[in-house]
Amino acid sequence: MRELEERKLTQTGFCKRMKFVKSHFNDVLKGRKPMTLRLAVSLEFMCIGTAEFWMTLQMKEDIKKEKERLGF
């Protein structure tokens, strides 16, 4: 994630600071797991977008997947 690099943070460093499991964080970044409210707020705390931004992205992805599932 470019924003972490700009702050000279690694995924490991970010996860340790925010008390996240690195594999879960990586899965969210790769789209394998959904964004959580806790992660969105943590990203906002680290000045990496707003929680609303991250949750809106997740909502849009959820809507897209559900429409595909229903055949829309």
Protein backbone atom coordinates (compact mmCIF):
# COMPACT_ATOMS: atom_id res chain seq x y z
CA MET A 1 0.00 0.00 0.00
CA ARG A 2 1.55 3.23 -1.20
CA GLU A 3 0.23 5.23 1.77
CA LEU A 4 2.13 3.01 4.20
CA GLU A 5 5.32 3.36 2.15
CA GLU A 6 4.97 7.16 2.19
CA ARG A 7 4.87 7.00 5.99
CA LYS A 8 7.85 4.63 6.01
CA LEU A 9 5.68 1.91 7.54
CA THR A 10 5.63 -1.74 6.54
CA GLN A 11 2.50 -3.87 6.66
CA THR A 12 4.08 -5.63 9.62
CA GLY A 13 4.74 -2.34 11.42
CA PHE A 14 1.23 -1.07 10.74
CA CYS A 15 -0.34 -4.31 11.91
CA LYS A 16 1.72 -4.36 15.10
CA ARG A 17 0.80 -0.77 15.88
CA MET A 18 -2.90 -1.34 15.20
CA LYS A 19 -2.96 -4.87 16.69
CA PHE A 20 -4.06 -6.55 13.46
CA VAL A 21 -3.09 -9.95 12.16
CA LYS A 22 -0.89 -9.28 9.12
CA SER A 23 -2.40 -12.09 7.03
CA HIS A 24 -5.91 -10.66 7.56
CA PHE A 25 -4.77 -7.16 6.61
CA ASN A 26 -3.10 -8.53 3.50
CA ASP A 27 -6.26 -10.47 2.59
CA VAL A 28 -8.29 -7.24 2.84
CA LEU A 29 -5.80 -5.41 0.61
CA LYS A 30 -6.02 -8.19 -1.98
CA GLY A 31 -9.83 -8.28 -1.88
CA ARG A 32 -10.04 -11.76 -0.36
CA LYS A 33 -11.70 -10.50 2.84
CA PRO A 34 -14.01 -7.55 3.41
CA MET A 35 -13.00 -4.25 4.95
CA THR A 36 -14.03 -4.10 8.59
CA LEU A 37 -15.15 -1.04 10.48
CA ARG A 38 -12.23 -1.50 12.87
CA LEU A 39 -9.71 -1.53 10.03
CA ALA A 40 -11.37 1.46 8.34
CA VAL A 41 -11.18 3.50 11.55
CA SER A 42 -7.57 2.42 12.08
CA LEU A 43 -6.64 3.54 8.58
CA GLU A 44 -8.30 6.90 9.27
CA PHE A 45 -6.36 7.17 12.54
CA MET A 46 -3.15 6.71 10.51
CA CYS A 47 -4.35 9.46 8.11
CA ILE A 48 -4.91 7.01 5.25
CA GLY A 49 -8.31 8.17 4.03
CA THR A 50 -11.48 8.37 6.07
CA ALA A 51 -13.38 5.47 7.58
CA GLU A 52 -16.33 6.55 5.43
CA PHE A 53 -14.20 6.28 2.29
CA TRP A 54 -13.09 2.72 3.09
CA MET A 55 -16.55 1.56 4.14
CA THR A 56 -18.11 3.09 1.00
CA LEU A 57 -15.66 1.14 -1.14
CA GLN A 58 -16.62 -2.03 0.72
CA MET A 59 -20.34 -1.32 0.36
CA LYS A 60 -19.97 -0.78 -3.40
CA GLU A 61 -18.05 -4.05 -3.72
CA ASP A 62 -20.70 -5.88 -1.67
CA ILE A 63 -23.50 -4.50 -3.87
CA LYS A 64 -21.62 -5.46 -7.05
CA LYS A 65 -21.06 -9.03 -5.83
CA GLU A 66 -24.68 -9.43 -4.73
CA LYS A 67 -25.97 -8.19 -8.10
CA GLU A 68 -23.67 -10.66 -9.85
CA ARG A 69 -24.88 -13.44 -7.56
CA LEU A 70 -28.50 -12.60 -8.38
CA GLY A 71 -27.76 -12.38 -12.10
CA PHE A 72 -28.39 -8.66 -12.56
